[in-house]
């Protein structure tokens, strides 16, 4: 303090002396010091007054943390949460990503601030497949999205409409059982079987018996597979937008080509249906109980109201159903089959339940499904251990906000690590054990439904952006699985070992090694398979 007083006294003497040069120099130095101190004080007070971004690992210039994510980001993010906590940030390229891995923080986002977190950040490939985000999955939370969701949930997937399309599902499931019966004792790829089953059921529901050339039908299925592969590829253009014009991986080019193939087939089917409808009276377009989803959408389009879906929205919605619905359901079916075959006591219990509810002299009907409590619990336990959307679909806040005491900037991308939450020992007893009993309803109350009410179990998401097709997906998965296990016994090929390893493909958690199984006849009456 004495030295500081001496320095101040010295500066004062200089300034009071007649030496102008030395005095001006000191004034300049003091001014610079005051400015620097003011800047440091402002930054310090600003940082103390506003919450900071969540913690996170250091990033490299341009590429951010991309080189360190690896091929299993759901597992890598779970490990990072042990270091940085249940909410942390990571830069992938120039894009800020926020990762959440606790039910409490998920509730803040999905419930407390659901409106703010109801936007998506669509990538280049998803923008193309969604007709420029005119669909339901990737569109922002705007009036068009709300209207399209209202149409799908209120008009297309309500109980009445699902009942009207039940005959399509029944016919396709019966065809698949008949097809498997012709392959008794041979190796069957469950990934192929489940994809074909889901594709046939969905296409039948969407456009019924609309004529499609066999070659075009195969081309349609192949395009769906290629589109999903493209959607799962990490795209440099999404992480570093300044390079998007180069399309370094050719993802935009390839996606446009496959979408064009699908669009041509969808457009031809729509035009044929419109021509067919015009040749009939309005009241006789289709008999009651046989109306497919395309017919329902076209009738809404014909109303020409402000809420009627446009033709582009109809095609975008069909694309959503085909691409997202087929692959996700087929992936789940393969995981369920894998876990059931690995746990033979589970398969025995499922088949006992089917024998009691359905009967060994009958085939499964959709009316049986609500009574199959143990099969439903088995499907939920599979969803818990192997969530198809391990990180869910991304959310993006429309306004800067706070989650967990941290600032979440407007426009960033937020993921919830569903895989980590559903395996967390803080919320689940023996979380790595496959135990369907944990999902059996207690005292008649099912607290583990698919509606996203319990933040510890989020297979279809939560909030207003929850997957709107979950009632249909649940019905289809249960129906197909019940039919397969009621009609056949299943075993692994000789020498084959159970394998539960997974692979993360963009937005989907798939089985790394495809499941191959051998079916054998279970029902004594051969006529049931015809």
Protein backbone atom coordinates (compact mmCIF):
# COMPACT_ATOMS: atom_id res chain seq x y z
CA UNK A 1 0.00 0.00 0.00
CA UNK A 2 2.88 2.31 0.81
CA UNK A 3 4.44 1.60 -2.60
CA UNK A 4 1.11 2.23 -4.33
CA UNK A 5 0.82 5.58 -2.52
CA UNK A 6 4.35 6.46 -3.57
CA UNK A 7 3.54 5.64 -7.25
CA UNK A 8 0.35 7.71 -7.15
CA UNK A 9 2.26 10.59 -5.55
CA UNK A 10 4.93 10.34 -8.23
CA UNK A 11 2.29 10.38 -11.05
CA UNK A 12 0.63 13.40 -9.47
CA UNK A 13 3.94 15.27 -9.22
CA UNK A 14 4.67 14.55 -12.86
CA UNK A 15 1.26 15.74 -13.98
CA UNK A 16 1.66 18.94 -11.96
CA UNK A 17 5.14 19.60 -13.31
CA UNK A 18 5.75 21.54 -16.46
CA UNK A 19 6.94 18.51 -18.43
CA UNK A 20 4.01 18.13 -20.88
CA UNK A 21 5.40 15.11 -22.74
CA UNK A 22 5.81 13.03 -19.60
CA UNK A 23 2.43 14.21 -18.30
CA UNK A 24 0.61 13.31 -21.55
CA UNK A 25 2.23 9.88 -21.57
CA UNK A 26 1.00 9.16 -18.06
CA UNK A 27 -2.52 10.30 -18.95
CA UNK A 28 -2.51 7.94 -21.94
CA UNK A 29 -1.28 5.02 -19.82
CA UNK A 30 -3.89 5.70 -17.15
CA UNK A 31 -6.63 5.91 -19.77
CA UNK A 32 -5.64 2.54 -21.28
CA UNK A 33 -5.51 0.93 -17.82
CA UNK A 34 -8.96 2.30 -16.93
CA UNK A 35 -10.45 1.05 -20.24
CA UNK A 36 -8.96 -2.44 -19.74
CA UNK A 37 -10.24 -2.60 -16.17
CA UNK A 38 -13.69 -1.45 -17.31
CA UNK A 39 -13.82 -4.17 -19.99
CA UNK A 40 -12.71 -6.84 -17.53
CA UNK A 41 -15.26 -5.63 -14.99
CA UNK A 42 -18.05 -5.64 -17.61
CA UNK A 43 -17.23 -9.18 -18.73
CA UNK A 44 -17.01 -10.37 -15.15
CA UNK A 45 -20.31 -8.78 -14.16
CA UNK A 46 -22.02 -10.08 -17.33
CA UNK A 47 -20.88 -13.64 -16.78
CA UNK A 48 -21.92 -13.49 -13.15
CA UNK A 49 -25.32 -12.08 -14.01
CA UNK A 50 -26.36 -14.55 -16.76
CA UNK A 51 -26.25 -18.34 -16.64
CA UNK A 52 -23.55 -19.89 -18.77
CA UNK A 53 -23.83 -22.63 -21.35
CA UNK A 54 -23.70 -26.18 -20.01
CA UNK A 55 -20.21 -27.61 -19.48
CA UNK A 56 -18.62 -29.74 -22.16
CA UNK A 57 -15.39 -30.98 -23.69
CA UNK A 58 -12.98 -28.70 -25.55
CA UNK A 59 -13.40 -28.65 -29.31
CA UNK A 60 -11.09 -28.42 -32.29
CA UNK A 61 -11.39 -25.54 -34.79
CA UNK A 62 -13.88 -26.16 -37.63
CA UNK A 63 -14.61 -29.83 -36.84
CA UNK A 64 -15.43 -29.36 -33.15
CA UNK A 65 -15.71 -32.65 -31.25
CA UNK A 66 -16.59 -34.73 -34.33
CA UNK A 67 -13.33 -36.75 -34.44
CA UNK A 68 -13.93 -38.06 -30.91
CA UNK A 69 -17.59 -39.15 -31.04
CA UNK A 70 -16.90 -42.56 -32.51
CA UNK A 71 -19.43 -45.01 -33.95
CA UNK A 72 -21.48 -45.36 -30.75
CA UNK A 73 -22.50 -41.81 -29.78
CA UNK A 74 -25.29 -42.98 -27.43
CA UNK A 75 -22.69 -44.81 -25.32
CA UNK A 76 -20.08 -42.07 -25.68
CA UNK A 77 -22.57 -39.44 -24.51
CA UNK A 78 -23.53 -41.62 -21.55
CA UNK A 79 -19.85 -41.73 -20.50
CA UNK A 80 -19.48 -37.98 -21.00
CA UNK A 81 -22.47 -37.41 -18.72
CA UNK A 82 -20.49 -39.09 -15.93
CA UNK A 83 -17.87 -36.34 -16.32
CA UNK A 84 -19.93 -33.27 -17.20
CA UNK A 85 -23.26 -34.07 -15.59
CA UNK A 86 -26.78 -34.81 -16.92
CA UNK A 87 -26.68 -31.82 -19.27
CA UNK A 88 -23.66 -30.86 -21.33
CA UNK A 89 -22.74 -29.26 -24.64
CA UNK A 90 -20.71 -30.60 -27.54
CA UNK A 91 -19.83 -28.89 -30.81
CA UNK A 92 -20.14 -31.09 -33.89
CA UNK A 93 -18.52 -29.01 -36.57
CA UNK A 94 -19.92 -25.53 -36.06
CA UNK A 95 -23.22 -26.81 -34.67
CA UNK A 96 -23.96 -26.53 -30.94
CA UNK A 97 -25.56 -29.68 -29.53
CA UNK A 98 -26.98 -30.04 -26.01
CA UNK A 99 -27.27 -33.54 -24.52
CA UNK A 100 -29.72 -34.36 -21.71
CA UNK A 101 -29.60 -37.67 -19.83
CA UNK A 102 -31.91 -37.44 -16.82
CA UNK A 103 -35.71 -37.72 -16.46
CA UNK A 104 -35.80 -34.53 -14.39
CA UNK A 105 -34.23 -32.41 -17.16
CA UNK A 106 -36.26 -34.22 -19.82
CA UNK A 107 -39.38 -33.13 -17.93
CA UNK A 108 -38.20 -29.52 -17.99
CA UNK A 109 -37.95 -29.71 -21.77
CA UNK A 110 -40.89 -31.96 -22.70
CA UNK A 111 -43.39 -30.65 -20.17
CA UNK A 112 -42.43 -27.30 -18.65
CA UNK A 113 -41.15 -25.81 -21.94
CA UNK A 114 -42.77 -28.06 -24.52
CA UNK A 115 -43.95 -25.18 -26.72
CA UNK A 116 -40.46 -23.67 -26.88
CA UNK A 117 -38.86 -27.02 -27.75
CA UNK A 118 -41.29 -28.01 -30.50
CA UNK A 119 -39.10 -27.19 -33.50
CA UNK A 120 -36.70 -29.43 -35.41
CA UNK A 121 -33.37 -28.75 -37.06
CA UNK A 122 -33.79 -30.60 -40.35
CA UNK A 123 -30.63 -31.64 -42.15
CA UNK A 124 -30.12 -31.57 -45.89
CA UNK A 125 -31.20 -35.19 -46.46
CA UNK A 126 -34.28 -34.88 -44.21
CA UNK A 127 -35.27 -31.64 -45.97
CA UNK A 128 -35.24 -33.43 -49.31
CA UNK A 129 -37.20 -36.51 -48.21
CA UNK A 130 -39.80 -34.30 -46.47
CA UNK A 131 -40.54 -32.24 -49.60
CA UNK A 132 -38.86 -29.18 -48.08
CA UNK A 133 -40.10 -29.89 -44.51
CA UNK A 134 -43.75 -30.00 -45.62
CA UNK A 135 -44.22 -33.20 -43.63
CA UNK A 136 -45.12 -34.01 -40.04
CA UNK A 137 -41.78 -35.31 -38.73
CA UNK A 138 -39.41 -32.46 -39.66
CA UNK A 139 -41.66 -29.44 -40.11
CA UNK A 140 -41.33 -26.58 -37.64
CA UNK A 141 -44.06 -26.02 -35.08
CA UNK A 142 -46.27 -23.78 -37.18
CA UNK A 143 -49.92 -23.64 -38.25
CA UNK A 144 -49.31 -26.01 -41.18
CA UNK A 145 -47.70 -28.60 -38.90
CA UNK A 146 -50.48 -28.32 -36.32
CA UNK A 147 -53.11 -28.76 -39.01
CA UNK A 148 -51.35 -31.78 -40.53
CA UNK A 149 -50.98 -33.40 -37.11
CA UNK A 150 -54.65 -32.77 -36.41
CA UNK A 151 -55.54 -34.49 -39.67
CA UNK A 152 -53.32 -37.51 -39.00
CA UNK A 153 -54.32 -38.01 -35.37
CA UNK A 154 -57.93 -36.87 -35.56
CA UNK A 155 -58.96 -38.13 -38.99
CA UNK A 156 -56.54 -40.86 -40.05
CA UNK A 157 -55.33 -42.65 -36.91
CA UNK A 158 -58.40 -42.39 -34.68
CA UNK A 159 -60.09 -45.55 -33.43
CA UNK A 160 -62.73 -45.50 -36.14
CA UNK A 161 -60.20 -45.17 -38.96
CA UNK A 162 -57.95 -47.86 -37.50
CA UNK A 163 -60.95 -50.17 -37.34
CA UNK A 164 -61.79 -49.39 -40.98
CA UNK A 165 -58.27 -50.44 -42.04
CA UNK A 166 -58.17 -53.59 -39.90
CA UNK A 167 -58.99 -55.84 -42.86
CA UNK A 168 -55.87 -54.64 -44.68
CA UNK A 169 -53.67 -55.57 -41.71
CA UNK A 170 -55.40 -58.91 -41.25
CA UNK A 171 -54.99 -59.90 -44.91
CA UNK A 172 -51.31 -59.02 -45.02
CA UNK A 173 -50.47 -60.77 -41.74
CA UNK A 174 -52.26 -63.91 -42.98
CA UNK A 175 -50.24 -63.77 -46.21
CA UNK A 176 -47.00 -63.55 -44.21
CA UNK A 177 -47.94 -66.54 -42.03
CA UNK A 178 -48.75 -68.55 -45.17
CA UNK A 179 -45.41 -67.51 -46.70
CA UNK A 180 -43.42 -68.54 -43.60
CA UNK A 181 -45.24 -71.89 -43.59
CA UNK A 182 -43.74 -72.65 -46.99
CA UNK A 183 -40.25 -72.19 -45.50
CA UNK A 184 -40.49 -74.49 -42.48
CA UNK A 185 -37.11 -75.89 -41.45
CA UNK A 186 -35.12 -73.35 -43.48
CA UNK A 187 -33.12 -70.31 -42.42
CA UNK A 188 -35.11 -67.07 -42.44
CA UNK A 189 -33.71 -63.56 -42.06
CA UNK A 190 -35.86 -61.79 -39.48
CA UNK A 191 -34.75 -58.37 -40.74
CA UNK A 192 -36.05 -59.23 -44.21
CA UNK A 193 -39.19 -60.91 -42.87
CA UNK A 194 -40.03 -57.98 -40.58
CA UNK A 195 -39.31 -55.37 -43.26
CA UNK A 196 -41.55 -57.14 -45.79
CA UNK A 197 -44.29 -57.67 -43.22
CA UNK A 198 -44.31 -54.03 -42.12
CA UNK A 199 -44.00 -52.74 -45.70
CA UNK A 200 -46.86 -54.90 -46.95
CA UNK A 201 -49.13 -53.98 -44.05
CA UNK A 202 -48.44 -50.24 -44.33
CA UNK A 203 -48.70 -50.00 -48.11
CA UNK A 204 -51.94 -51.96 -47.96
CA UNK A 205 -53.30 -49.56 -45.31
CA UNK A 206 -52.14 -46.47 -47.20
CA UNK A 207 -53.46 -47.27 -50.66
CA UNK A 208 -55.30 -50.54 -50.33
CA UNK A 209 -55.50 -52.58 -53.50
CA UNK A 210 -54.20 -49.88 -55.82
CA UNK A 211 -52.50 -51.59 -58.71
CA UNK A 212 -48.71 -51.31 -58.68
CA UNK A 213 -46.57 -53.22 -61.15
CA UNK A 214 -44.46 -55.88 -59.44
CA UNK A 215 -41.28 -54.26 -60.75
CA UNK A 216 -42.40 -50.87 -59.45
CA UNK A 217 -43.34 -52.39 -56.10
CA UNK A 218 -39.85 -53.87 -55.72
CA UNK A 219 -38.33 -50.56 -56.80
CA UNK A 220 -40.45 -48.79 -54.20
CA UNK A 221 -39.23 -51.07 -51.40
CA UNK A 222 -35.61 -50.73 -52.53
CA UNK A 223 -35.93 -46.94 -52.60
CA UNK A 224 -37.23 -46.96 -49.01
CA UNK A 225 -34.21 -48.98 -47.88
CA UNK A 226 -31.77 -46.69 -49.71
CA UNK A 227 -33.44 -43.58 -48.33
CA UNK A 228 -33.10 -44.82 -44.78
CA UNK A 229 -29.42 -45.65 -45.35
CA UNK A 230 -28.87 -42.10 -46.60
CA UNK A 231 -30.71 -40.68 -43.59
CA UNK A 232 -28.39 -42.59 -41.25
CA UNK A 233 -25.16 -41.31 -42.80
CA UNK A 234 -23.47 -38.45 -40.92
CA UNK A 235 -23.41 -35.59 -43.44
CA UNK A 236 -20.47 -33.19 -43.41
CA UNK A 237 -22.74 -30.59 -45.02
CA UNK A 238 -24.94 -30.58 -41.89
CA UNK A 239 -22.03 -30.11 -39.50
CA UNK A 240 -20.17 -27.53 -41.63
CA UNK A 241 -22.85 -25.65 -43.61
CA UNK A 242 -20.27 -23.61 -45.53
CA UNK A 243 -19.32 -26.83 -47.36
CA UNK A 244 -22.90 -27.82 -48.20
CA UNK A 245 -22.66 -26.57 -51.77
CA UNK A 246 -19.92 -29.13 -52.45
CA UNK A 247 -22.07 -32.12 -51.35
CA UNK A 248 -18.79 -33.91 -50.60
CA UNK A 249 -20.40 -37.29 -49.87
CA UNK A 250 -23.03 -37.06 -52.60
CA UNK A 251 -25.80 -37.52 -50.04
CA UNK A 252 -28.00 -34.73 -51.42
CA UNK A 253 -27.57 -36.04 -54.97
CA UNK A 254 -28.39 -39.64 -54.02
CA UNK A 255 -31.33 -38.63 -51.83
CA UNK A 256 -32.90 -36.59 -54.63
CA UNK A 257 -32.61 -39.58 -56.95
CA UNK A 258 -34.30 -42.03 -54.54
CA UNK A 259 -37.02 -39.56 -53.52
CA UNK A 260 -37.76 -38.96 -57.19
CA UNK A 261 -38.32 -42.70 -57.70
CA UNK A 262 -40.73 -42.86 -54.77
CA UNK A 263 -42.46 -39.66 -55.79
CA UNK A 264 -43.16 -40.99 -59.28
CA UNK A 265 -44.81 -44.12 -57.86
CA UNK A 266 -46.79 -42.20 -55.22
CA UNK A 267 -47.92 -39.62 -57.78
CA UNK A 268 -49.04 -42.34 -60.22
CA UNK A 269 -51.07 -44.08 -57.51
CA UNK A 270 -52.68 -40.78 -56.44
CA UNK A 271 -53.57 -39.86 -60.03
CA UNK A 272 -55.03 -43.33 -60.68
CA UNK A 273 -57.14 -43.06 -57.54
CA UNK A 274 -58.41 -39.60 -58.49
CA UNK A 275 -59.38 -40.86 -61.96
CA UNK A 276 -61.05 -43.91 -60.43
CA UNK A 277 -63.00 -41.77 -57.98
CA UNK A 278 -64.20 -39.47 -60.74
CA UNK A 279 -65.77 -42.42 -62.53
CA UNK A 280 -67.89 -43.33 -59.53
CA UNK A 281 -70.56 -41.56 -57.59
CA UNK A 282 -69.29 -39.79 -54.51
CA UNK A 283 -71.22 -42.09 -52.17
CA UNK A 284 -69.77 -45.24 -53.70
CA UNK A 285 -66.10 -44.43 -53.72
CA UNK A 286 -65.41 -47.28 -51.30
CA UNK A 287 -67.61 -49.45 -49.16
CA UNK A 288 -67.73 -48.66 -45.45
CA UNK A 289 -64.97 -50.51 -43.64
CA UNK A 290 -62.65 -50.58 -46.64
CA UNK A 291 -61.45 -46.99 -46.78
CA UNK A 292 -57.65 -46.74 -46.94
CA UNK A 293 -55.60 -43.78 -45.73
CA UNK A 294 -55.07 -42.33 -49.21
CA UNK A 295 -58.82 -42.20 -49.81
CA UNK A 296 -59.36 -40.41 -46.50
CA UNK A 297 -56.68 -37.84 -47.35
CA UNK A 298 -58.04 -37.23 -50.86
CA UNK A 299 -61.54 -36.70 -49.49
CA UNK A 300 -60.14 -34.08 -47.11
CA UNK A 301 -58.27 -32.49 -50.03
CA UNK A 302 -61.52 -32.35 -52.06
CA UNK A 303 -63.16 -30.23 -49.37
CA UNK A 304 -60.93 -27.31 -50.42
CA UNK A 305 -61.07 -25.63 -47.02
CA UNK A 306 -58.28 -23.67 -45.37
CA UNK A 307 -57.38 -26.78 -43.38
CA UNK A 308 -57.46 -29.23 -46.30
CA UNK A 309 -54.07 -30.87 -46.89
CA UNK A 310 -52.31 -29.89 -50.10
CA UNK A 311 -51.19 -32.56 -52.55
CA UNK A 312 -47.56 -31.95 -51.49
CA UNK A 313 -48.51 -32.46 -47.85
CA UNK A 314 -50.33 -35.68 -48.72
CA UNK A 315 -47.25 -37.03 -50.47
CA UNK A 316 -44.98 -35.85 -47.63
CA UNK A 317 -47.22 -37.57 -45.08
CA UNK A 318 -47.20 -40.82 -47.08
CA UNK A 319 -43.40 -40.56 -47.25
CA UNK A 320 -43.26 -40.17 -43.45
CA UNK A 321 -45.41 -43.25 -42.92
CA UNK A 322 -43.42 -45.37 -45.38
CA UNK A 323 -39.87 -44.37 -44.45
CA UNK A 324 -40.17 -43.88 -40.69
CA UNK A 325 -42.93 -46.38 -40.03
CA UNK A 326 -41.54 -49.36 -41.91
CA UNK A 327 -37.93 -49.25 -40.80
CA UNK A 328 -38.48 -48.38 -37.14
CA UNK A 329 -41.13 -51.08 -36.68
CA UNK A 330 -39.06 -53.68 -38.53
CA UNK A 331 -36.03 -52.86 -36.36
CA UNK A 332 -38.06 -53.27 -33.17
CA UNK A 333 -39.48 -56.61 -34.35
CA UNK A 334 -35.97 -57.98 -34.87
CA UNK A 335 -34.89 -56.87 -31.39
CA UNK A 336 -37.98 -58.48 -29.80
CA UNK A 337 -37.39 -61.76 -31.62
CA UNK A 338 -33.73 -61.69 -30.54
CA UNK A 339 -34.50 -61.19 -26.85
CA UNK A 340 -37.30 -63.76 -26.80
CA UNK A 341 -35.15 -66.43 -28.42
CA UNK A 342 -32.32 -65.68 -25.99
CA UNK A 343 -34.71 -65.99 -23.04
CA UNK A 344 -36.57 -69.24 -23.72
CA UNK A 345 -38.69 -68.94 -20.60
CA UNK A 346 -40.08 -65.69 -22.03
CA UNK A 347 -41.04 -67.42 -25.29
CA UNK A 348 -42.70 -70.26 -23.38
CA UNK A 349 -44.70 -67.82 -21.31
CA UNK A 350 -45.76 -65.82 -24.40
CA UNK A 351 -46.94 -68.96 -26.17
CA UNK A 352 -48.84 -70.13 -23.08
CA UNK A 353 -50.60 -66.77 -22.98
CA UNK A 354 -51.43 -67.04 -26.69
CA UNK A 355 -52.81 -70.56 -26.22
CA UNK A 356 -55.05 -69.33 -23.41
CA UNK A 357 -56.26 -66.14 -25.10
CA UNK A 358 -56.36 -67.16 -28.76
CA UNK A 359 -56.67 -70.95 -28.56
CA UNK A 360 -54.65 -73.53 -30.49
CA UNK A 361 -57.43 -73.95 -33.06
CA UNK A 362 -57.65 -70.27 -33.99
CA UNK A 363 -55.50 -67.58 -35.55
CA UNK A 364 -54.68 -64.30 -33.82
CA UNK A 365 -57.12 -61.42 -34.35
CA UNK A 366 -56.66 -57.79 -33.39
CA UNK A 367 -59.40 -58.21 -30.80
CA UNK A 368 -57.02 -60.49 -28.86
CA UNK A 369 -54.22 -57.92 -28.61
CA UNK A 370 -55.33 -55.94 -25.51
CA UNK A 371 -55.51 -59.20 -23.54
CA UNK A 372 -51.91 -60.24 -24.32
CA UNK A 373 -50.45 -58.55 -21.25
CA UNK A 374 -47.18 -60.47 -21.09
CA UNK A 375 -46.41 -60.02 -24.80
CA UNK A 376 -47.07 -56.31 -24.43
CA UNK A 377 -44.75 -56.20 -21.42
CA UNK A 378 -42.09 -58.02 -23.46
CA UNK A 379 -42.31 -55.47 -26.24
CA UNK A 380 -41.93 -52.62 -23.72
CA UNK A 381 -38.93 -54.27 -22.09
CA UNK A 382 -37.34 -54.57 -25.54
CA UNK A 383 -38.03 -50.89 -26.17
CA UNK A 384 -36.33 -50.10 -22.85
CA UNK A 385 -33.12 -51.98 -23.58
CA UNK A 386 -33.03 -51.35 -27.33
CA UNK A 387 -34.77 -48.04 -28.09
CA UNK A 388 -34.91 -47.68 -31.87
CA UNK A 389 -34.35 -43.94 -31.46
CA UNK A 390 -31.51 -44.07 -28.94
CA UNK A 391 -31.16 -40.27 -28.86
CA UNK A 392 -34.71 -39.52 -29.95
CA UNK A 393 -35.34 -36.99 -32.69
CA UNK A 394 -33.67 -33.60 -32.20
CA UNK A 395 -35.48 -30.61 -30.72
CA UNK A 396 -34.58 -26.96 -31.24
CA UNK A 397 -35.70 -24.10 -28.97
CA UNK A 398 -37.48 -21.22 -30.69
CA UNK A 399 -36.27 -18.87 -27.96
CA UNK A 400 -33.21 -18.81 -25.72
CA UNK A 401 -34.15 -20.37 -22.40
CA UNK A 402 -32.79 -22.21 -19.37
CA UNK A 403 -32.66 -25.93 -18.60
CA UNK A 404 -31.07 -27.22 -15.42
CA UNK A 405 -29.80 -23.73 -14.60
CA UNK A 406 -27.91 -23.39 -17.89
CA UNK A 407 -28.55 -21.21 -20.93
CA UNK A 408 -29.87 -23.07 -23.97
CA UNK A 409 -29.46 -20.78 -27.00
CA UNK A 410 -32.17 -20.32 -29.59
CA UNK A 411 -31.69 -22.54 -32.64
CA UNK A 412 -29.25 -25.05 -31.11
CA UNK A 413 -29.96 -28.79 -31.30
CA UNK A 414 -31.05 -30.67 -28.18
CA UNK A 415 -31.06 -34.46 -27.77
CA UNK A 416 -32.35 -36.61 -24.93
CA UNK A 417 -30.24 -39.75 -24.44
CA UNK A 418 -33.15 -42.18 -24.13
CA UNK A 419 -30.77 -45.17 -24.22
CA UNK A 420 -28.88 -43.88 -21.16
CA UNK A 421 -32.00 -42.99 -19.15
CA UNK A 422 -33.64 -46.36 -19.78
CA UNK A 423 -30.53 -48.21 -18.57
CA UNK A 424 -29.74 -45.98 -15.60
CA UNK A 425 -29.52 -47.96 -12.30
CA UNK A 426 -30.83 -44.92 -10.43
CA UNK A 427 -34.22 -45.45 -12.06
CA UNK A 428 -34.29 -49.18 -12.89
CA UNK A 429 -33.59 -52.26 -10.79
CA UNK A 430 -31.03 -54.53 -12.48
CA UNK A 431 -31.22 -52.38 -15.61
CA UNK A 432 -29.25 -54.74 -17.87
CA UNK A 433 -31.49 -57.71 -17.11
CA UNK A 434 -34.24 -58.53 -19.62
CA UNK A 435 -37.29 -58.75 -17.37
CA UNK A 436 -40.74 -58.12 -18.91
CA UNK A 437 -42.36 -58.50 -15.48
CA UNK A 438 -41.31 -54.96 -14.61
CA UNK A 439 -43.82 -53.72 -17.21
CA UNK A 440 -46.82 -55.70 -16.07
CA UNK A 441 -49.59 -53.37 -14.89
CA UNK A 442 -49.98 -53.24 -11.13
CA UNK A 443 -53.42 -52.80 -9.60
CA UNK A 444 -54.88 -52.27 -13.05
CA UNK A 445 -52.77 -49.15 -13.70
CA UNK A 446 -50.26 -49.06 -16.53
CA UNK A 447 -47.71 -46.39 -15.65
CA UNK A 448 -45.47 -47.47 -18.53
CA UNK A 449 -47.64 -46.48 -21.50
CA UNK A 450 -46.30 -45.17 -24.81
CA UNK A 451 -47.70 -41.66 -24.33
CA UNK A 452 -44.50 -40.13 -22.93
CA UNK A 453 -45.99 -39.45 -19.48
CA UNK A 454 -43.19 -41.21 -17.60
CA UNK A 455 -39.84 -39.55 -18.32
CA UNK A 456 -37.96 -42.73 -17.44
CA UNK A 457 -39.49 -44.51 -20.45
CA UNK A 458 -39.56 -42.56 -23.73
CA UNK A 459 -39.58 -44.99 -26.69
CA UNK A 460 -41.76 -42.66 -28.81
CA UNK A 461 -40.68 -39.35 -27.30
CA UNK A 462 -42.94 -36.99 -25.35
CA UNK A 463 -44.79 -33.73 -25.60
CA UNK A 464 -46.47 -32.37 -28.71
CA UNK A 465 -43.73 -33.78 -30.95
CA UNK A 466 -44.23 -37.34 -29.71
CA UNK A 467 -44.47 -39.82 -32.59
CA UNK A 468 -48.13 -39.48 -33.64
CA UNK A 469 -48.15 -42.94 -35.18
CA UNK A 470 -47.42 -44.84 -31.97
CA UNK A 471 -50.96 -46.30 -31.63
CA UNK A 472 -50.69 -47.82 -35.11
CA UNK A 473 -47.08 -48.95 -34.55
CA UNK A 474 -48.03 -50.61 -31.26
CA UNK A 475 -50.98 -52.40 -32.86
CA UNK A 476 -48.97 -53.62 -35.86
CA UNK A 477 -45.95 -54.80 -33.85
CA UNK A 478 -48.08 -56.72 -31.37
CA UNK A 479 -50.24 -58.25 -34.11
CA UNK A 480 -47.30 -59.47 -36.20
CA UNK A 481 -45.35 -60.81 -33.22
CA UNK A 482 -48.38 -62.54 -31.72
CA UNK A 483 -49.10 -64.20 -35.06
CA UNK A 484 -45.51 -65.36 -35.56
CA UNK A 485 -45.18 -66.90 -32.07
CA UNK A 486 -48.67 -68.38 -32.06
CA UNK A 487 -48.20 -70.06 -35.45
CA UNK A 488 -44.57 -71.20 -35.17
CA UNK A 489 -41.81 -72.30 -32.86
CA UNK A 490 -38.48 -70.60 -33.51
CA UNK A 491 -34.87 -71.73 -33.02
CA UNK A 492 -31.44 -70.50 -34.00
CA UNK A 493 -29.52 -72.42 -36.70
CA UNK A 494 -27.16 -75.07 -35.37
CA UNK A 495 -23.97 -73.53 -34.02
CA UNK A 496 -25.42 -70.01 -34.00
CA UNK A 497 -24.95 -68.02 -30.80
CA UNK A 498 -27.18 -65.31 -29.37
CA UNK A 499 -25.84 -61.87 -30.24
CA UNK A 500 -27.14 -58.62 -28.75
CA UNK A 501 -24.53 -56.19 -30.07
CA UNK A 502 -25.93 -53.07 -31.70
CA UNK A 503 -24.88 -50.48 -34.25
CA UNK A 504 -25.88 -46.82 -34.25
CA UNK A 505 -27.00 -45.66 -37.68
CA UNK A 506 -27.74 -41.95 -37.64
CA UNK A 507 -31.10 -41.95 -35.85
CA UNK A 508 -31.64 -45.67 -35.37
CA UNK A 509 -30.19 -48.34 -33.09
CA UNK A 510 -30.07 -51.57 -35.07
CA UNK A 511 -28.88 -55.08 -34.43
CA UNK A 512 -25.28 -55.33 -35.60
CA UNK A 513 -25.57 -58.94 -36.75
CA UNK A 514 -28.87 -59.73 -38.52
CA UNK A 515 -30.94 -62.43 -36.82
CA UNK A 516 -31.40 -65.72 -38.68
CA UNK A 517 -33.95 -68.22 -37.36
CA UNK A 518 -35.63 -71.50 -38.27
CA UNK A 519 -39.44 -71.82 -37.98
CA UNK A 520 -41.31 -75.04 -37.22
CA UNK A 521 -45.04 -75.74 -37.21
CA UNK A 522 -46.76 -75.15 -33.85
CA UNK A 523 -50.49 -75.52 -34.60
CA UNK A 524 -51.73 -79.00 -35.42
CA UNK A 525 -54.39 -77.95 -37.91
CA UNK A 526 -52.61 -77.31 -41.22
CA UNK A 527 -55.69 -75.52 -42.59
CA UNK A 528 -54.95 -72.59 -40.28
CA UNK A 529 -51.87 -71.81 -42.36
CA UNK A 530 -53.69 -71.77 -45.69
